N, C-alpha and C. Protein backbone atom coordinates (compact mmCIF):
# COMPACT_ATOMS: atom_id res chain seq x y z
N MET A 1 160.40 -118.48 113.29
CA MET A 1 161.83 -118.43 113.15
C MET A 1 162.36 -119.86 113.10
N HIS A 2 163.38 -120.06 112.29
CA HIS A 2 163.99 -121.36 112.07
C HIS A 2 165.50 -121.25 112.27
N ILE A 3 166.15 -122.40 112.44
CA ILE A 3 167.60 -122.48 112.52
C ILE A 3 168.10 -123.12 111.23
N TYR A 4 169.17 -122.58 110.69
CA TYR A 4 169.75 -123.10 109.46
C TYR A 4 170.17 -124.56 109.61
N ALA A 5 169.71 -125.38 108.67
CA ALA A 5 170.13 -126.77 108.55
C ALA A 5 170.42 -126.99 107.07
N PRO A 6 171.63 -127.41 106.72
CA PRO A 6 172.03 -127.50 105.32
C PRO A 6 171.09 -128.30 104.42
N GLU A 7 170.50 -129.35 104.93
CA GLU A 7 169.66 -130.22 104.10
C GLU A 7 168.16 -129.99 104.29
N ASN A 8 167.77 -128.99 105.10
CA ASN A 8 166.36 -128.83 105.42
C ASN A 8 166.02 -127.35 105.54
N PHE A 9 165.70 -126.71 104.45
CA PHE A 9 165.40 -125.28 104.42
C PHE A 9 164.15 -124.97 105.24
N MET A 10 164.27 -124.04 106.16
CA MET A 10 163.15 -123.58 106.99
C MET A 10 162.42 -124.77 107.65
N ASP A 11 163.16 -125.56 108.38
CA ASP A 11 162.66 -126.77 109.05
C ASP A 11 161.44 -126.44 109.90
N ARG A 12 160.29 -126.93 109.51
CA ARG A 12 159.04 -126.64 110.22
C ARG A 12 158.96 -127.34 111.58
N GLN A 13 159.68 -128.44 111.74
CA GLN A 13 159.65 -129.15 113.02
C GLN A 13 160.48 -128.44 114.08
N VAL A 14 161.39 -127.60 113.67
CA VAL A 14 162.23 -126.86 114.61
C VAL A 14 162.04 -125.37 114.30
N SER A 15 160.93 -124.85 114.78
CA SER A 15 160.61 -123.44 114.56
C SER A 15 159.79 -122.92 115.73
N VAL A 16 159.84 -121.62 115.92
CA VAL A 16 159.04 -120.96 116.95
C VAL A 16 158.51 -119.65 116.37
N PRO A 17 157.32 -119.24 116.80
CA PRO A 17 156.83 -117.93 116.37
C PRO A 17 157.60 -116.82 117.09
N ILE A 18 157.81 -115.75 116.39
CA ILE A 18 158.50 -114.60 116.96
C ILE A 18 157.90 -113.34 116.36
N GLU A 19 157.79 -112.30 117.17
CA GLU A 19 157.30 -111.01 116.68
C GLU A 19 158.48 -110.06 116.62
N LEU A 20 158.59 -109.37 115.49
CA LEU A 20 159.68 -108.43 115.28
C LEU A 20 159.13 -107.08 114.86
N PRO A 21 159.84 -106.00 115.18
CA PRO A 21 159.36 -104.67 114.79
C PRO A 21 159.65 -104.34 113.32
N PHE A 22 160.33 -105.26 112.61
CA PHE A 22 160.69 -105.03 111.21
C PHE A 22 160.94 -106.39 110.56
N VAL A 23 161.08 -106.39 109.26
CA VAL A 23 161.44 -107.61 108.55
C VAL A 23 162.95 -107.60 108.37
N PRO A 24 163.65 -108.52 109.01
CA PRO A 24 165.11 -108.54 108.86
C PRO A 24 165.51 -109.01 107.46
N GLN A 25 166.69 -108.64 107.07
CA GLN A 25 167.22 -109.03 105.78
C GLN A 25 168.42 -109.96 105.97
N LYS A 26 168.76 -110.70 104.95
CA LYS A 26 169.90 -111.61 105.01
C LYS A 26 171.14 -110.83 105.45
N GLY A 27 171.84 -111.39 106.43
CA GLY A 27 173.05 -110.75 106.95
C GLY A 27 172.82 -109.91 108.19
N ASP A 28 171.56 -109.56 108.48
CA ASP A 28 171.26 -108.79 109.70
C ASP A 28 171.53 -109.65 110.93
N TYR A 29 171.87 -108.99 112.03
CA TYR A 29 172.00 -109.69 113.31
C TYR A 29 170.66 -109.65 114.01
N LEU A 30 170.26 -110.78 114.54
CA LEU A 30 168.99 -110.90 115.25
C LEU A 30 169.28 -111.56 116.59
N PHE A 31 169.20 -110.78 117.65
CA PHE A 31 169.48 -111.31 118.98
C PHE A 31 168.18 -111.88 119.54
N VAL A 32 168.12 -113.20 119.60
CA VAL A 32 166.92 -113.92 119.98
C VAL A 32 166.95 -114.19 121.48
N PRO A 33 165.84 -113.97 122.17
CA PRO A 33 165.81 -114.27 123.61
C PRO A 33 166.18 -115.72 123.88
N GLU A 34 166.89 -115.93 124.97
CA GLU A 34 167.38 -117.27 125.32
C GLU A 34 166.26 -118.28 125.42
N GLU A 35 165.09 -117.88 125.93
CA GLU A 35 164.00 -118.85 126.07
C GLU A 35 163.53 -119.38 124.71
N LEU A 36 163.61 -118.57 123.66
CA LEU A 36 163.24 -119.05 122.34
C LEU A 36 164.30 -119.99 121.77
N ILE A 37 165.56 -119.66 122.01
CA ILE A 37 166.64 -120.56 121.59
C ILE A 37 166.50 -121.91 122.28
N LEU A 38 166.18 -121.89 123.58
CA LEU A 38 166.00 -123.15 124.31
C LEU A 38 164.83 -123.96 123.77
N LYS A 39 163.75 -123.29 123.37
CA LYS A 39 162.61 -123.99 122.76
C LYS A 39 163.01 -124.66 121.45
N LEU A 40 163.79 -123.94 120.65
CA LEU A 40 164.26 -124.51 119.39
C LEU A 40 165.15 -125.73 119.65
N GLU A 41 166.03 -125.62 120.64
CA GLU A 41 166.89 -126.75 120.99
C GLU A 41 166.06 -127.95 121.45
N GLU A 42 165.05 -127.70 122.27
CA GLU A 42 164.18 -128.78 122.74
C GLU A 42 163.51 -129.50 121.58
N LYS A 43 163.04 -128.73 120.61
CA LYS A 43 162.39 -129.34 119.45
C LYS A 43 163.37 -130.16 118.64
N ALA A 44 164.58 -129.65 118.48
CA ALA A 44 165.60 -130.39 117.71
C ALA A 44 166.00 -131.66 118.43
N LYS A 45 166.03 -131.64 119.76
CA LYS A 45 166.44 -132.80 120.54
C LYS A 45 165.29 -133.78 120.81
N SER A 46 164.09 -133.43 120.38
CA SER A 46 162.93 -134.27 120.67
C SER A 46 162.99 -135.63 119.99
N GLU A 47 163.67 -135.70 118.85
CA GLU A 47 163.86 -136.96 118.13
C GLU A 47 165.27 -136.98 117.57
N LEU A 48 165.90 -138.10 117.66
CA LEU A 48 167.27 -138.23 117.18
C LEU A 48 167.38 -137.90 115.69
N GLU A 49 166.42 -138.33 114.90
CA GLU A 49 166.45 -138.05 113.46
C GLU A 49 166.38 -136.55 113.17
N ILE A 50 165.63 -135.82 113.97
CA ILE A 50 165.58 -134.36 113.80
C ILE A 50 166.93 -133.76 114.16
N ALA A 51 167.48 -134.16 115.28
CA ALA A 51 168.77 -133.62 115.73
C ALA A 51 169.86 -133.87 114.71
N ARG A 52 169.82 -134.98 114.04
CA ARG A 52 170.86 -135.32 113.06
C ARG A 52 170.89 -134.35 111.89
N ARG A 53 169.79 -133.67 111.62
CA ARG A 53 169.77 -132.66 110.55
C ARG A 53 170.73 -131.52 110.85
N TYR A 54 171.02 -131.33 112.12
CA TYR A 54 171.82 -130.18 112.56
C TYR A 54 173.28 -130.54 112.83
N ALA A 55 173.65 -131.78 112.50
CA ALA A 55 175.03 -132.23 112.72
C ALA A 55 175.85 -132.04 111.45
N PRO A 56 177.11 -131.78 111.58
CA PRO A 56 177.83 -131.49 112.82
C PRO A 56 177.81 -130.00 113.20
N LYS A 57 177.19 -129.16 112.35
CA LYS A 57 177.27 -127.71 112.51
C LYS A 57 176.91 -127.20 113.90
N TRP A 58 175.87 -127.74 114.50
CA TRP A 58 175.37 -127.20 115.77
C TRP A 58 175.73 -128.05 116.98
N PHE A 59 176.67 -128.96 116.82
CA PHE A 59 177.12 -129.80 117.94
C PHE A 59 178.48 -129.31 118.42
N TYR A 60 178.61 -129.16 119.70
CA TYR A 60 179.81 -128.59 120.30
C TYR A 60 180.44 -129.58 121.28
N ARG A 61 181.43 -129.12 122.02
CA ARG A 61 182.15 -129.92 123.01
C ARG A 61 182.66 -131.22 122.39
N LYS A 62 182.46 -132.32 123.05
CA LYS A 62 183.01 -133.59 122.57
C LYS A 62 182.35 -134.08 121.28
N SER A 63 181.25 -133.47 120.88
CA SER A 63 180.51 -133.92 119.70
C SER A 63 180.71 -133.04 118.47
N PHE A 64 181.68 -132.14 118.51
CA PHE A 64 181.80 -131.15 117.44
C PHE A 64 182.08 -131.75 116.07
N ASP A 65 182.65 -132.93 115.99
CA ASP A 65 182.95 -133.53 114.69
C ASP A 65 182.14 -134.80 114.41
N VAL A 66 181.09 -135.01 115.18
CA VAL A 66 180.25 -136.21 115.00
C VAL A 66 179.31 -135.98 113.81
N GLN A 67 179.43 -136.82 112.82
CA GLN A 67 178.60 -136.68 111.62
C GLN A 67 177.20 -137.30 111.79
N LEU A 68 177.11 -138.36 112.56
CA LEU A 68 175.84 -139.04 112.79
C LEU A 68 175.64 -139.20 114.30
N PRO A 69 175.09 -138.17 114.95
CA PRO A 69 174.96 -138.18 116.41
C PRO A 69 174.10 -139.34 116.93
N ALA A 70 174.43 -139.74 118.14
CA ALA A 70 173.65 -140.73 118.87
C ALA A 70 173.00 -140.01 120.06
N GLU A 71 172.20 -140.72 120.82
CA GLU A 71 171.51 -140.13 121.97
C GLU A 71 172.47 -139.41 122.91
N GLU A 72 173.66 -139.99 123.14
CA GLU A 72 174.60 -139.37 124.08
C GLU A 72 175.17 -138.04 123.59
N ASN A 73 175.00 -137.73 122.29
CA ASN A 73 175.48 -136.45 121.75
C ASN A 73 174.46 -135.32 121.88
N LEU A 74 173.22 -135.64 122.17
CA LEU A 74 172.17 -134.62 122.20
C LEU A 74 172.44 -133.47 123.16
N PRO A 75 173.03 -133.69 124.35
CA PRO A 75 173.31 -132.54 125.21
C PRO A 75 174.28 -131.53 124.60
N ASP A 76 175.03 -131.94 123.58
CA ASP A 76 176.01 -131.06 122.95
C ASP A 76 175.42 -130.23 121.81
N LEU A 77 174.15 -130.42 121.50
CA LEU A 77 173.50 -129.62 120.46
C LEU A 77 173.12 -128.27 121.06
N SER A 78 173.53 -127.18 120.40
CA SER A 78 173.23 -125.84 120.92
C SER A 78 173.08 -124.86 119.76
N PHE A 79 172.05 -124.03 119.86
CA PHE A 79 171.82 -122.97 118.89
C PHE A 79 172.20 -121.60 119.46
N ALA A 80 172.96 -121.58 120.55
CA ALA A 80 173.29 -120.33 121.24
C ALA A 80 174.02 -119.33 120.35
N ASP A 81 174.77 -119.81 119.34
CA ASP A 81 175.51 -118.90 118.47
C ASP A 81 174.69 -118.37 117.30
N ALA A 82 173.47 -118.82 117.16
CA ALA A 82 172.63 -118.41 116.03
C ALA A 82 172.16 -116.98 116.22
N GLN A 83 172.62 -116.09 115.36
CA GLN A 83 172.21 -114.68 115.47
C GLN A 83 172.24 -113.93 114.14
N THR A 84 172.65 -114.58 113.08
CA THR A 84 172.72 -113.92 111.78
C THR A 84 171.61 -114.46 110.87
N VAL A 85 170.88 -113.56 110.23
CA VAL A 85 169.80 -113.97 109.34
C VAL A 85 170.41 -114.62 108.10
N HIS A 86 170.01 -115.86 107.87
CA HIS A 86 170.50 -116.62 106.72
C HIS A 86 169.55 -116.48 105.54
N ALA A 87 168.24 -116.46 105.81
CA ALA A 87 167.24 -116.38 104.75
C ALA A 87 165.93 -115.82 105.29
N VAL A 88 165.18 -115.20 104.41
CA VAL A 88 163.85 -114.69 104.74
C VAL A 88 162.91 -115.18 103.64
N ALA A 89 161.77 -115.75 104.04
CA ALA A 89 160.79 -116.25 103.07
C ALA A 89 159.44 -115.65 103.38
N TYR A 90 158.74 -115.25 102.34
CA TYR A 90 157.44 -114.62 102.47
C TYR A 90 156.35 -115.54 101.95
N HIS A 91 155.17 -115.47 102.57
CA HIS A 91 153.99 -116.17 102.07
C HIS A 91 153.15 -115.16 101.28
N ALA A 92 152.75 -115.52 100.09
CA ALA A 92 151.90 -114.64 99.29
C ALA A 92 150.55 -114.46 99.97
N ASN A 93 150.03 -113.27 99.91
CA ASN A 93 148.71 -112.93 100.48
C ASN A 93 148.62 -113.24 101.96
N SER A 94 149.71 -113.03 102.69
CA SER A 94 149.75 -113.35 104.12
C SER A 94 150.72 -112.42 104.84
N ASP A 95 150.51 -112.26 106.13
CA ASP A 95 151.44 -111.49 106.95
C ASP A 95 152.56 -112.37 107.52
N ILE A 96 152.52 -113.65 107.24
CA ILE A 96 153.50 -114.58 107.79
C ILE A 96 154.81 -114.48 107.02
N ILE A 97 155.88 -114.35 107.79
CA ILE A 97 157.24 -114.29 107.24
C ILE A 97 158.09 -115.29 108.01
N HIS A 98 158.87 -116.06 107.31
CA HIS A 98 159.77 -117.03 107.93
C HIS A 98 161.19 -116.48 107.89
N VAL A 99 161.88 -116.57 109.02
CA VAL A 99 163.26 -116.11 109.13
C VAL A 99 164.10 -117.29 109.59
N GLU A 100 165.18 -117.53 108.88
CA GLU A 100 166.10 -118.60 109.24
C GLU A 100 167.42 -117.96 109.68
N ILE A 101 167.91 -118.37 110.86
CA ILE A 101 169.14 -117.78 111.38
C ILE A 101 170.26 -118.81 111.46
N THR A 102 171.47 -118.31 111.42
CA THR A 102 172.67 -119.15 111.50
C THR A 102 173.70 -118.45 112.37
N ASP A 103 174.90 -119.01 112.46
CA ASP A 103 175.94 -118.38 113.27
C ASP A 103 176.76 -117.38 112.45
């Protein structure tokens, strides 16, 4: 599972494996366990350059309009609102499916 980033489709650096009972479609709501959202946030905050891919869309509080976040903006990055399937990508000859979610 991935989080929508306008300039980085299906960001492999910010992804976690997830098992689902079905293949969701674009527009479906997907309620992701908080621990997975926190893992995604940790990966995005692991490097400033990675976190900047998610600005300003996923930055809240005092950082909601920051176009180029700095280290002090990282605590304001949150994927808590991500619950709508933005895209689904399939691998040929594989059971692997990538799901990208947005708010």
